[in-house]
Amino acid sequence: MRYAVIGSPVAFTARFVETTLVPVGSVVRMVRSGVTGLSVGVTVYGPGTEPVVTGAVATDKGNGLYEYRLSESLVTASGYYRVVLATTGTNVDYQSVVVLVYLAKLGNKIEARYV
């Protein structure tokens, strides 16, 4: 379980990778590498069906990791929040990654349970 102090953003991280096949003797090995330099858009859905964030951009943290920080003020209800990080990059295995987390306000903290 992770906690974020009220007034602090809640961080969501996803990794975009590219798989290449490398011959090693008589076998082929799959090698996965993080892809950097992508433009990664973010949409966040709260407990309802309507998005609470659209058109946001994730930050490239290196080695294929991209991070988006959701403002604490947007956590208006307890429940499951779906964060969709998507790219149009063609050199990645998956162009969208979904992070599912249960967020709940508890006193002066936000409890985050990552699924």
PDB file of N, CA and C in Angstrom:
ATOM      1  N   MET A   1       0.837  -1.160   0.000  1.00  0.00           N
ATOM      2  CA  MET A   1       0.000   0.000   0.000  1.00  0.00           C
ATOM      3  C   MET A   1       0.895   1.240   0.000  1.00  0.00           C
ATOM      4  N   ARG A   2       0.536   2.229  -0.814  1.00  0.00           N
ATOM      5  CA  ARG A   2       1.276   3.471  -0.850  1.00  0.00           C
ATOM      6  C   ARG A   2       0.361   4.593  -0.376  1.00  0.00           C
ATOM      7  N   TYR A   3       0.968   5.599   0.204  1.00  0.00           N
ATOM      8  CA  TYR A   3       0.214   6.753   0.645  1.00  0.00           C
ATOM      9  C   TYR A   3       0.822   8.010   0.049  1.00  0.00           C
ATOM     10  N   ALA A   4      -0.030   8.963  -0.285  1.00  0.00           N
ATOM     11  CA  ALA A   4       0.407  10.285  -0.707  1.00  0.00           C
ATOM     12  C   ALA A   4      -0.237  11.276   0.246  1.00  0.00           C
ATOM     13  N   VAL A   5       0.526  12.254   0.671  1.00  0.00           N
ATOM     14  CA  VAL A   5      -0.021  13.247   1.589  1.00  0.00           C
ATOM     15  C   VAL A   5      -0.967  14.152   0.809  1.00  0.00           C
ATOM     16  N   ILE A   6      -2.110  14.491   1.408  1.00  0.00           N
ATOM     17  CA  ILE A   6      -3.062  15.404   0.780  1.00  0.00           C
ATOM     18  C   ILE A   6      -2.312  16.685   0.421  1.00  0.00           C
ATOM     19  N   GLY A   7      -2.545  17.167  -0.772  1.00  0.00           N
ATOM     20  CA  GLY A   7      -1.835  18.346  -1.268  1.00  0.00           C
ATOM     21  C   GLY A   7      -0.677  17.959  -2.159  1.00  0.00           C
ATOM     22  N   SER A   8      -0.337  16.679  -2.174  1.00  0.00           N
ATOM     23  CA  SER A   8       0.723  16.174  -3.044  1.00  0.00           C
ATOM     24  C   SER A   8       0.089  15.370  -4.177  1.00  0.00           C
ATOM     25  N   PRO A   9       0.694  15.407  -5.364  1.00  0.00           N
ATOM     26  CA  PRO A   9       0.132  14.626  -6.466  1.00  0.00           C
ATOM     27  C   PRO A   9       0.362  13.126  -6.279  1.00  0.00           C
ATOM     28  N   VAL A  10      -0.480  12.324  -6.938  1.00  0.00           N
ATOM     29  CA  VAL A  10      -0.336  10.871  -6.924  1.00  0.00           C
ATOM     30  C   VAL A  10       0.342  10.474  -8.228  1.00  0.00           C
ATOM     31  N   ALA A  11       1.472   9.764  -8.145  1.00  0.00           N
ATOM     32  CA  ALA A  11       2.263   9.420  -9.335  1.00  0.00           C
ATOM     33  C   ALA A  11       1.838   8.074  -9.923  1.00  0.00           C
ATOM     34  N   PHE A  12       1.755   8.032 -11.250  1.00  0.00           N
ATOM     35  CA  PHE A  12       1.472   6.813 -12.001  1.00  0.00           C
ATOM     36  C   PHE A  12       2.608   6.625 -12.994  1.00  0.00           C
ATOM     37  N   THR A  13       3.149   5.421 -13.058  1.00  0.00           N
ATOM     38  CA  THR A  13       4.280   5.145 -13.940  1.00  0.00           C
ATOM     39  C   THR A  13       3.977   3.939 -14.817  1.00  0.00           C
ATOM     40  N   ALA A  14       4.377   4.041 -16.086  1.00  0.00           N
ATOM     41  CA  ALA A  14       4.235   2.927 -17.030  1.00  0.00           C
ATOM     42  C   ALA A  14       5.518   2.828 -17.839  1.00  0.00           C
ATOM     43  N   ARG A  15       5.797   1.642 -18.339  1.00  0.00           N
ATOM     44  CA  ARG A  15       7.014   1.424 -19.135  1.00  0.00           C
ATOM     45  C   ARG A  15       6.635   0.986 -20.548  1.00  0.00           C
ATOM     46  N   PHE A  16       7.210   1.654 -21.518  1.00  0.00           N
ATOM     47  CA  PHE A  16       7.029   1.312 -22.926  1.00  0.00           C
ATOM     48  C   PHE A  16       8.293   0.612 -23.403  1.00  0.00           C
ATOM     49  N   VAL A  17       8.132  -0.578 -23.964  1.00  0.00           N
ATOM     50  CA  VAL A  17       9.289  -1.376 -24.380  1.00  0.00           C
ATOM     51  C   VAL A  17       9.162  -1.802 -25.840  1.00  0.00           C
ATOM     52  N   GLU A  18      10.311  -2.154 -26.381  1.00  0.00           N
ATOM     53  CA  GLU A  18      10.403  -2.715 -27.725  1.00  0.00           C
ATOM     54  C   GLU A  18      11.122  -4.052 -27.602  1.00  0.00           C
ATOM     55  N   THR A  19      10.555  -5.082 -28.209  1.00  0.00           N
ATOM     56  CA  THR A  19      11.164  -6.410 -28.178  1.00  0.00           C
ATOM     57  C   THR A  19      11.854  -6.673 -29.502  1.00  0.00           C
ATOM     58  N   THR A  20      13.093  -7.106 -29.409  1.00  0.00           N
ATOM     59  CA  THR A  20      13.821  -7.508 -30.610  1.00  0.00           C
ATOM     60  C   THR A  20      14.251  -8.960 -30.441  1.00  0.00           C
ATOM     61  N   LEU A  21      14.325  -9.667 -31.557  1.00  0.00           N
ATOM     62  CA  LEU A  21      14.762 -11.062 -31.540  1.00  0.00           C
ATOM     63  C   LEU A  21      16.228 -11.112 -31.949  1.00  0.00           C
ATOM     64  N   VAL A  22      17.039 -11.727 -31.091  1.00  0.00           N
ATOM     65  CA  VAL A  22      18.480 -11.789 -31.311  1.00  0.00           C
ATOM     66  C   VAL A  22      18.898 -13.249 -31.408  1.00  0.00           C
ATOM     67  N   PRO A  23      19.463 -13.663 -32.571  1.00  0.00           N
ATOM     68  CA  PRO A  23      19.940 -15.046 -32.683  1.00  0.00           C
ATOM     69  C   PRO A  23      21.156 -15.259 -31.777  1.00  0.00           C
ATOM     70  N   VAL A  24      21.108 -16.325 -31.007  1.00  0.00           N
ATOM     71  CA  VAL A  24      22.235 -16.715 -30.152  1.00  0.00           C
ATOM     72  C   VAL A  24      22.486 -18.190 -30.419  1.00  0.00           C
ATOM     73  N   GLY A  25      23.445 -18.462 -31.277  1.00  0.00           N
ATOM     74  CA  GLY A  25      23.697 -19.848 -31.667  1.00  0.00           C
ATOM     75  C   GLY A  25      22.499 -20.408 -32.405  1.00  0.00           C
ATOM     76  N   SER A  26      21.958 -21.512 -31.905  1.00  0.00           N
ATOM     77  CA  SER A  26      20.829 -22.159 -32.576  1.00  0.00           C
ATOM     78  C   SER A  26      19.474 -21.735 -32.004  1.00  0.00           C
ATOM     79  N   VAL A  27      19.480 -20.774 -31.084  1.00  0.00           N
ATOM     80  CA  VAL A  27      18.229 -20.298 -30.500  1.00  0.00           C
ATOM     81  C   VAL A  27      18.067 -18.797 -30.757  1.00  0.00           C
ATOM     82  N   VAL A  28      16.872 -18.330 -30.526  1.00  0.00           N
ATOM     83  CA  VAL A  28      16.598 -16.901 -30.665  1.00  0.00           C
ATOM     84  C   VAL A  28      16.173 -16.367 -29.301  1.00  0.00           C
ATOM     85  N   ARG A  29      16.812 -15.303 -28.879  1.00  0.00           N
ATOM     86  CA  ARG A  29      16.528 -14.705 -27.580  1.00  0.00           C
ATOM     87  C   ARG A  29      15.723 -13.422 -27.787  1.00  0.00           C
ATOM     88  N   MET A  30      14.706 -13.242 -26.941  1.00  0.00           N
ATOM     89  CA  MET A  30      13.940 -11.992 -26.963  1.00  0.00           C
ATOM     90  C   MET A  30      14.606 -11.003 -26.014  1.00  0.00           C
ATOM     91  N   VAL A  31      14.894  -9.805 -26.527  1.00  0.00           N
ATOM     92  CA  VAL A  31      15.510  -8.763 -25.715  1.00  0.00           C
ATOM     93  C   VAL A  31      14.554  -7.575 -25.679  1.00  0.00           C
ATOM     94  N   ARG A  32      14.185  -7.157 -24.481  1.00  0.00           N
ATOM     95  CA  ARG A  32      13.286  -6.013 -24.326  1.00  0.00           C
ATOM     96  C   ARG A  32      14.081  -4.803 -23.868  1.00  0.00           C
ATOM     97  N   SER A  33      13.839  -3.686 -24.547  1.00  0.00           N
ATOM     98  CA  SER A  33      14.519  -2.443 -24.209  1.00  0.00           C
ATOM     99  C   SER A  33      13.485  -1.346 -24.016  1.00  0.00           C
ATOM    100  N   GLY A  34      13.715  -0.506 -23.028  1.00  0.00           N
ATOM    101  CA  GLY A  34      12.835   0.635 -22.814  1.00  0.00           C
ATOM    102  C   GLY A  34      13.002   1.642 -23.934  1.00  0.00           C
ATOM    103  N   VAL A  35      11.897   2.227 -24.375  1.00  0.00           N
ATOM    104  CA  VAL A  35      11.918   3.201 -25.466  1.00  0.00           C
ATOM    105  C   VAL A  35      11.748   4.600 -24.880  1.00  0.00           C
ATOM    106  N   THR A  36      12.703   5.472 -25.161  1.00  0.00           N
ATOM    107  CA  THR A  36      12.651   6.847 -24.672  1.00  0.00           C
ATOM    108  C   THR A  36      12.332   7.789 -25.822  1.00  0.00           C
ATOM    109  N   GLY A  37      12.036   9.021 -25.486  1.00  0.00           N
ATOM    110  CA  GLY A  37      11.776  10.038 -26.497  1.00  0.00           C
ATOM    111  C   GLY A  37      10.391   9.992 -27.109  1.00  0.00           C
ATOM    112  N   LEU A  38       9.480   9.239 -26.500  1.00  0.00           N
ATOM    113  CA  LEU A  38       8.115   9.153 -27.014  1.00  0.00           C
ATOM    114  C   LEU A  38       7.277  10.341 -26.533  1.00  0.00           C
ATOM    115  N   SER A  39       6.251  10.652 -27.281  1.00  0.00           N
ATOM    116  CA  SER A  39       5.235  11.580 -26.826  1.00  0.00           C
ATOM    117  C   SER A  39       4.112  10.710 -26.261  1.00  0.00           C
ATOM    118  N   VAL A  40       3.886  10.801 -24.959  1.00  0.00           N
ATOM    119  CA  VAL A  40       2.915   9.934 -24.284  1.00  0.00           C
ATOM    120  C   VAL A  40       1.789  10.785 -23.716  1.00  0.00           C
ATOM    121  N   GLY A  41       0.588  10.586 -24.249  1.00  0.00           N
ATOM    122  CA  GLY A  41      -0.584  11.289 -23.766  1.00  0.00           C
ATOM    123  C   GLY A  41      -1.236  10.530 -22.624  1.00  0.00           C
ATOM    124  N   VAL A  42      -1.983  11.259 -21.803  1.00  0.00           N
ATOM    125  CA  VAL A  42      -2.589  10.666 -20.608  1.00  0.00           C
ATOM    126  C   VAL A  42      -4.075  11.029 -20.533  1.00  0.00           C
ATOM    127  N   THR A  43      -4.886  10.027 -20.233  1.00  0.00           N
ATOM    128  CA  THR A  43      -6.293  10.221 -19.907  1.00  0.00           C
ATOM    129  C   THR A  43      -6.546   9.499 -18.588  1.00  0.00           C
ATOM    130  N   VAL A  44      -7.196  10.176 -17.663  1.00  0.00           N
ATOM    131  CA  VAL A  44      -7.487   9.590 -16.355  1.00  0.00           C
ATOM    132  C   VAL A  44      -9.005   9.522 -16.187  1.00  0.00           C
ATOM    133  N   TYR A  45      -9.485   8.339 -15.848  1.00  0.00           N
ATOM    134  CA  TYR A  45     -10.899   8.131 -15.558  1.00  0.00           C
ATOM    135  C   TYR A  45     -11.052   7.907 -14.065  1.00  0.00           C
ATOM    136  N   GLY A  46     -11.995   8.616 -13.455  1.00  0.00           N
ATOM    137  CA  GLY A  46     -12.271   8.437 -12.033  1.00  0.00           C
ATOM    138  C   GLY A  46     -13.208   7.266 -11.834  1.00  0.00           C
ATOM    139  N   PRO A  47     -13.846   7.191 -10.668  1.00  0.00           N
ATOM    140  CA  PRO A  47     -14.753   6.080 -10.385  1.00  0.00           C
ATOM    141  C   PRO A  47     -15.951   6.011 -11.345  1.00  0.00           C
ATOM    142  N   GLY A  48     -16.322   7.122 -11.960  1.00  0.00           N
ATOM    143  CA  GLY A  48     -17.412   7.128 -12.934  1.00  0.00           C
ATOM    144  C   GLY A  48     -16.890   6.793 -14.318  1.00  0.00           C
ATOM    145  N   THR A  49     -17.689   7.093 -15.311  1.00  0.00           N
ATOM    146  CA  THR A  49     -17.296   6.775 -16.689  1.00  0.00           C
ATOM    147  C   THR A  49     -16.670   7.957 -17.404  1.00  0.00           C
ATOM    148  N   GLU A  50     -16.827   9.154 -16.853  1.00  0.00           N
ATOM    149  CA  GLU A  50     -16.285  10.346 -17.505  1.00  0.00           C
ATOM    150  C   GLU A  50     -14.828  10.561 -17.110  1.00  0.00           C
ATOM    151  N   PRO A  51     -13.988  11.006 -18.056  1.00  0.00           N
ATOM    152  CA  PRO A  51     -12.594  11.284 -17.706  1.00  0.00           C
ATOM    153  C   PRO A  51     -12.488  12.512 -16.803  1.00  0.00           C
ATOM    154  N   VAL A  52     -11.530  12.464 -15.872  1.00  0.00           N
ATOM    155  CA  VAL A  52     -11.251  13.626 -15.020  1.00  0.00           C
ATOM    156  C   VAL A  52     -10.062  14.411 -15.560  1.00  0.00           C
ATOM    157  N   VAL A  53      -9.270  13.769 -16.433  1.00  0.00           N
ATOM    158  CA  VAL A  53      -8.135  14.424 -17.092  1.00  0.00           C
ATOM    159  C   VAL A  53      -8.092  13.925 -18.533  1.00  0.00           C
ATOM    160  N   THR A  54      -7.947  14.855 -19.474  1.00  0.00           N
ATOM    161  CA  THR A  54      -7.725  14.485 -20.874  1.00  0.00           C
ATOM    162  C   THR A  54      -6.644  15.401 -21.437  1.00  0.00           C
ATOM    163  N   GLY A  55      -5.917  14.903 -22.403  1.00  0.00           N
ATOM    164  CA  GLY A  55      -4.919  15.724 -23.080  1.00  0.00           C
ATOM    165  C   GLY A  55      -3.673  16.033 -22.275  1.00  0.00           C
ATOM    166  N   ALA A  56      -3.459  15.350 -21.169  1.00  0.00           N
ATOM    167  CA  ALA A  56      -2.244  15.566 -20.372  1.00  0.00           C
ATOM    168  C   ALA A  56      -1.078  14.828 -21.021  1.00  0.00           C
ATOM    169  N   VAL A  57       0.129  15.150 -20.613  1.00  0.00           N
ATOM    170  CA  VAL A  57       1.331  14.534 -21.172  1.00  0.00           C
ATOM    171  C   VAL A  57       2.183  13.958 -20.051  1.00  0.00           C
ATOM    172  N   ALA A  58       2.657  12.728 -20.250  1.00  0.00           N
ATOM    173  CA  ALA A  58       3.525  12.073 -19.265  1.00  0.00           C
ATOM    174  C   ALA A  58       4.968  12.548 -19.460  1.00  0.00           C
ATOM    175  N   THR A  59       5.733  12.477 -18.390  1.00  0.00           N
ATOM    176  CA  THR A  59       7.139  12.872 -18.403  1.00  0.00           C
ATOM    177  C   THR A  59       8.023  11.654 -18.640  1.00  0.00           C
ATOM    178  N   ASP A  60       8.981  11.777 -19.554  1.00  0.00           N
ATOM    179  CA  ASP A  60       9.942  10.711 -19.842  1.00  0.00           C
ATOM    180  C   ASP A  60      10.963  10.675 -18.713  1.00  0.00           C
ATOM    181  N   LYS A  61      10.995   9.567 -17.962  1.00  0.00           N
ATOM    182  CA  LYS A  61      11.919   9.418 -16.839  1.00  0.00           C
ATOM    183  C   LYS A  61      13.161   8.607 -17.206  1.00  0.00           C
ATOM    184  N   GLY A  62      13.241   8.138 -18.465  1.00  0.00           N
ATOM    185  CA  GLY A  62      14.389   7.350 -18.915  1.00  0.00           C
ATOM    186  C   GLY A  62      14.112   5.863 -18.872  1.00  0.00           C
ATOM    187  N   ASN A  63      14.832   5.111 -19.703  1.00  0.00           N
ATOM    188  CA  ASN A  63      14.731   3.653 -19.772  1.00  0.00           C
ATOM    189  C   ASN A  63      13.305   3.170 -20.059  1.00  0.00           C
ATOM    190  N   GLY A  64      12.537   3.973 -20.801  1.00  0.00           N
ATOM    191  CA  GLY A  64      11.195   3.572 -21.170  1.00  0.00           C
ATOM    192  C   GLY A  64      10.128   3.886 -20.139  1.00  0.00           C
ATOM    193  N   LEU A  65      10.514   4.472 -19.008  1.00  0.00           N
ATOM    194  CA  LEU A  65       9.548   4.815 -17.958  1.00  0.00           C
ATOM    195  C   LEU A  65       8.959   6.200 -18.204  1.00  0.00           C
ATOM    196  N   TYR A  66       7.638   6.282 -18.099  1.00  0.00           N
ATOM    197  CA  TYR A  66       6.922   7.542 -18.264  1.00  0.00           C
ATOM    198  C   TYR A  66       6.031   7.728 -17.047  1.00  0.00           C
ATOM    199  N   GLU A  67       5.987   8.961 -16.547  1.00  0.00           N
ATOM    200  CA  GLU A  67       5.266   9.231 -15.310  1.00  0.00           C
ATOM    201  C   GLU A  67       4.262  10.361 -15.502  1.00  0.00           C
ATOM    202  N   TYR A  68       3.112  10.191 -14.859  1.00  0.00           N
ATOM    203  CA  TYR A  68       2.119  11.265 -14.799  1.00  0.00           C
ATOM    204  C   TYR A  68       1.744  11.451 -13.340  1.00  0.00           C
ATOM    205  N   ARG A  69       1.664  12.706 -12.925  1.00  0.00           N
ATOM    206  CA  ARG A  69       1.286  13.019 -11.544  1.00  0.00           C
ATOM    207  C   ARG A  69      -0.109  13.642 -11.536  1.00  0.00           C
ATOM    208  N   LEU A  70      -1.036  12.918 -10.898  1.00  0.00           N
ATOM    209  CA  LEU A  70      -2.422  13.366 -10.793  1.00  0.00           C
ATOM    210  C   LEU A  70      -2.549  14.293  -9.595  1.00  0.00           C
ATOM    211  N   SER A  71      -3.069  15.486  -9.834  1.00  0.00           N
ATOM    212  CA  SER A  71      -3.278  16.446  -8.759  1.00  0.00           C
ATOM    213  C   SER A  71      -4.231  15.869  -7.715  1.00  0.00           C
ATOM    214  N   GLU A  72      -3.880  16.045  -6.478  1.00  0.00           N
ATOM    215  CA  GLU A  72      -4.697  15.546  -5.366  1.00  0.00           C
ATOM    216  C   GLU A  72      -6.101  16.138  -5.420  1.00  0.00           C
ATOM    217  N   SER A  73      -6.238  17.344  -5.930  1.00  0.00           N
ATOM    218  CA  SER A  73      -7.549  17.997  -5.985  1.00  0.00           C
ATOM    219  C   SER A  73      -8.504  17.285  -6.937  1.00  0.00           C
ATOM    220  N   LEU A  74      -7.980  16.452  -7.838  1.00  0.00           N
ATOM    221  CA  LEU A  74      -8.830  15.717  -8.775  1.00  0.00           C
ATOM    222  C   LEU A  74      -9.330  14.392  -8.200  1.00  0.00           C
ATOM    223  N   VAL A  75      -8.826  14.018  -7.025  1.00  0.00           N
ATOM    224  CA  VAL A  75      -9.323  12.812  -6.352  1.00  0.00           C
ATOM    225  C   VAL A  75     -10.512  13.247  -5.507  1.00  0.00           C
ATOM    226  N   THR A  76     -11.682  13.267  -6.142  1.00  0.00           N
ATOM    227  CA  THR A  76     -12.883  13.791  -5.482  1.00  0.00           C
ATOM    228  C   THR A  76     -13.729  12.700  -4.853  1.00  0.00           C
ATOM    229  N   ALA A  77     -13.485  11.453  -5.241  1.00  0.00           N
ATOM    230  CA  ALA A  77     -14.267  10.339  -4.692  1.00  0.00           C
ATOM    231  C   ALA A  77     -13.365   9.115  -4.563  1.00  0.00           C
ATOM    232  N   SER A  78     -13.657   8.299  -3.581  1.00  0.00           N
ATOM    233  CA  SER A  78     -12.928   7.044  -3.450  1.00  0.00           C
ATOM    234  C   SER A  78     -13.395   6.093  -4.536  1.00  0.00           C
ATOM    235  N   GLY A  79     -12.473   5.279  -5.029  1.00  0.00           N
ATOM    236  CA  GLY A  79     -12.826   4.303  -6.046  1.00  0.00           C
ATOM    237  C   GLY A  79     -11.661   4.008  -6.960  1.00  0.00           C
ATOM    238  N   TYR A  80     -11.941   3.240  -8.004  1.00  0.00           N
ATOM    239  CA  TYR A  80     -10.903   2.865  -8.954  1.00  0.00           C
ATOM    240  C   TYR A  80     -10.680   3.983  -9.965  1.00  0.00           C
ATOM    241  N   TYR A  81      -9.423   4.338 -10.148  1.00  0.00           N
ATOM    242  CA  TYR A  81      -9.019   5.326 -11.145  1.00  0.00           C
ATOM    243  C   TYR A  81      -8.221   4.588 -12.218  1.00  0.00           C
ATOM    244  N   ARG A  82      -8.593   4.808 -13.478  1.00  0.00           N
ATOM    245  CA  ARG A  82      -7.907   4.181 -14.603  1.00  0.00           C
ATOM    246  C   ARG A  82      -7.100   5.244 -15.318  1.00  0.00           C
ATOM    247  N   VAL A  83      -5.808   5.030 -15.407  1.00  0.00           N
ATOM    248  CA  VAL A  83      -4.922   5.966 -16.067  1.00  0.00           C
ATOM    249  C   VAL A  83      -4.430   5.296 -17.345  1.00  0.00           C
ATOM    250  N   VAL A  84      -4.751   5.902 -18.489  1.00  0.00           N
ATOM    251  CA  VAL A  84      -4.356   5.360 -19.781  1.00  0.00           C
ATOM    252  C   VAL A  84      -3.227   6.225 -20.323  1.00  0.00           C
ATOM    253  N   LEU A  85      -2.055   5.608 -20.503  1.00  0.00           N
ATOM    254  CA  LEU A  85      -0.911   6.284 -21.103  1.00  0.00           C
ATOM    255  C   LEU A  85      -0.768   5.710 -22.507  1.00  0.00           C
ATOM    256  N   ALA A  86      -0.786   6.583 -23.519  1.00  0.00           N
ATOM    257  CA  ALA A  86      -0.791   6.113 -24.905  1.00  0.00           C
ATOM    258  C   ALA A  86       0.181   6.916 -25.760  1.00  0.00           C
ATOM    259  N   THR A  87       0.757   6.234 -26.744  1.00  0.00           N
ATOM    260  CA  THR A  87       1.677   6.870 -27.683  1.00  0.00           C
ATOM    261  C   THR A  87       1.314   6.448 -29.100  1.00  0.00           C
ATOM    262  N   THR A  88       1.721   7.243 -30.046  1.00  0.00           N
ATOM    263  CA  THR A  88       1.548   6.863 -31.448  1.00  0.00           C
ATOM    264  C   THR A  88       2.845   6.279 -31.991  1.00  0.00           C
ATOM    265  N   GLY A  89       3.862   6.181 -31.133  1.00  0.00           N
ATOM    266  CA  GLY A  89       5.141   5.586 -31.543  1.00  0.00           C
ATOM    267  C   GLY A  89       4.934   4.180 -32.077  1.00  0.00           C
ATOM    268  N   THR A  90       5.593   3.862 -33.192  1.00  0.00           N
ATOM    269  CA  THR A  90       5.410   2.545 -33.814  1.00  0.00           C
ATOM    270  C   THR A  90       6.480   1.546 -33.410  1.00  0.00           C
ATOM    271  N   ASN A  91       7.469   1.988 -32.646  1.00  0.00           N
ATOM    272  CA  ASN A  91       8.559   1.094 -32.254  1.00  0.00           C
ATOM    273  C   ASN A  91       8.382   0.538 -30.842  1.00  0.00           C
ATOM    274  N   VAL A  92       7.135   0.450 -30.373  1.00  0.00           N
ATOM    275  CA  VAL A  92       6.864  -0.102 -29.051  1.00  0.00           C
ATOM    276  C   VAL A  92       5.992  -1.342 -29.188  1.00  0.00           C
ATOM    277  N   ASP A  93       6.092  -2.241 -28.215  1.00  0.00           N
ATOM    278  CA  ASP A  93       5.281  -3.462 -28.245  1.00  0.00           C
ATOM    279  C   ASP A  93       3.790  -3.147 -28.081  1.00  0.00           C
ATOM    280  N   TYR A  94       3.459  -2.251 -27.170  1.00  0.00           N
ATOM    281  CA  TYR A  94       2.073  -1.849 -26.930  1.00  0.00           C
ATOM    282  C   TYR A  94       2.008  -0.329 -26.958  1.00  0.00           C
ATOM    283  N   GLN A  95       1.040   0.211 -27.684  1.00  0.00           N
ATOM    284  CA  GLN A  95       0.929   1.657 -27.801  1.00  0.00           C
ATOM    285  C   GLN A  95       0.142   2.284 -26.657  1.00  0.00           C
ATOM    286  N   SER A  96      -0.516   1.474 -25.863  1.00  0.00           N
ATOM    287  CA  SER A  96      -1.182   2.026 -24.686  1.00  0.00           C
ATOM    288  C   SER A  96      -0.994   1.085 -23.502  1.00  0.00           C
ATOM    289  N   VAL A  97      -0.849   1.699 -22.341  1.00  0.00           N
ATOM    290  CA  VAL A  97      -0.669   0.969 -21.086  1.00  0.00           C
ATOM    291  C   VAL A  97      -1.688   1.547 -20.105  1.00  0.00           C
ATOM    292  N   VAL A  98      -2.396   0.664 -19.410  1.00  0.00           N
ATOM    293  CA  VAL A  98      -3.406   1.102 -18.443  1.00  0.00           C
ATOM    294  C   VAL A  98      -2.908   0.790 -17.034  1.00  0.00           C
ATOM    295  N   VAL A  99      -2.987   1.788 -16.170  1.00  0.00           N
ATOM    296  CA  VAL A  99      -2.650   1.615 -14.759  1.00  0.00           C
ATOM    297  C   VAL A  99      -3.956   1.736 -13.989  1.00  0.00           C
ATOM    298  N   LEU A 100      -4.280   0.722 -13.197  1.00  0.00           N
ATOM    299  CA  LEU A 100      -5.504   0.719 -12.402  1.00  0.00           C
ATOM    300  C   LEU A 100      -5.117   0.838 -10.933  1.00  0.00           C
ATOM    301  N   VAL A 101      -5.726   1.795 -10.247  1.00  0.00           N
ATOM    302  CA  VAL A 101      -5.397   2.007  -8.844  1.00  0.00           C
ATOM    303  C   VAL A 101      -6.667   2.394  -8.085  1.00  0.00           C
ATOM    304  N   TYR A 102      -6.762   1.932  -6.853  1.00  0.00           N
ATOM    305  CA  TYR A 102      -7.864   2.329  -5.983  1.00  0.00           C
ATOM    306  C   TYR A 102      -7.371   3.488  -5.127  1.00  0.00           C
ATOM    307  N   LEU A 103      -8.045   4.630  -5.208  1.00  0.00           N
ATOM    308  CA  LEU A 103      -7.663   5.794  -4.415  1.00  0.00           C
ATOM    309  C   LEU A 103      -8.764   6.112  -3.410  1.00  0.00           C
ATOM    310  N   ALA A 104      -8.346   6.419  -2.188  1.00  0.00           N
ATOM    311  CA  ALA A 104      -9.300   6.789  -1.142  1.00  0.00           C
ATOM    312  C   ALA A 104      -8.675   7.860  -0.260  1.00  0.00           C
ATOM    313  N   LYS A 105      -9.454   8.876   0.067  1.00  0.00           N
ATOM    314  CA  LYS A 105      -8.976   9.901   0.995  1.00  0.00           C
ATOM    315  C   LYS A 105      -9.185   9.390   2.415  1.00  0.00           C
ATOM    316  N   LEU A 106      -8.104   9.406   3.192  1.00  0.00           N
ATOM    317  CA  LEU A 106      -8.147   8.956   4.586  1.00  0.00           C
ATOM    318  C   LEU A 106      -7.495  10.027   5.450  1.00  0.00           C
ATOM    319  N   GLY A 107      -8.284  10.852   6.048  1.00  0.00           N
ATOM    320  CA  GLY A 107      -7.723  11.912   6.880  1.00  0.00           C
ATOM    321  C   GLY A 107      -6.867  12.849   6.053  1.00  0.00           C
ATOM    322  N   ASN A 108      -5.574  12.938   6.386  1.00  0.00           N
ATOM    323  CA  ASN A 108      -4.680  13.828   5.654  1.00  0.00           C
ATOM    324  C   ASN A 108      -3.858  13.092   4.602  1.00  0.00           C
ATOM    325  N   LYS A 109      -4.320  11.903   4.207  1.00  0.00           N
ATOM    326  CA  LYS A 109      -3.590  11.111   3.218  1.00  0.00           C
ATOM    327  C   LYS A 109      -4.541  10.603   2.149  1.00  0.00           C
ATOM    328  N   ILE A 110      -3.937  10.257   1.023  1.00  0.00           N
ATOM    329  CA  ILE A 110      -4.661   9.527  -0.013  1.00  0.00           C
ATOM    330  C   ILE A 110      -4.055   8.126  -0.032  1.00  0.00           C
ATOM    331  N   GLU A 111      -4.876   7.123   0.162  1.00  0.00           N
ATOM    332  CA  GLU A 111      -4.393   5.749   0.090  1.00  0.00           C
ATOM    333  C   GLU A 111      -4.464   5.314  -1.366  1.00  0.00           C
ATOM    334  N   ALA A 112      -3.368   4.720  -1.852  1.00  0.00           N
ATOM    335  CA  ALA A 112      -3.324   4.234  -3.224  1.00  0.00           C
ATOM    336  C   ALA A 112      -3.017   2.747  -3.210  1.00  0.00           C
ATOM    337  N   ARG A 113      -3.940   1.948  -3.716  1.00  0.00           N
ATOM    338  CA  ARG A 113      -3.725   0.503  -3.822  1.00  0.00           C
ATOM    339  C   ARG A 113      -3.636   0.169  -5.304  1.00  0.00           C
ATOM    340  N   TYR A 114      -2.435  -0.160  -5.741  1.00  0.00           N
ATOM    341  CA  TYR A 114      -2.217  -0.461  -7.160  1.00  0.00           C
ATOM    342  C   TYR A 114      -2.639  -1.888  -7.461  1.00  0.00           C
ATOM    343  N   VAL A 115      -3.382  -2.055  -8.535  1.00  0.00           N
ATOM    344  CA  VAL A 115      -3.908  -3.357  -8.932  1.00  0.00           C
ATOM    345  C   VAL A 115      -2.992  -3.970  -9.965  1.00  0.00           C
TER     346      VAL A 115
END
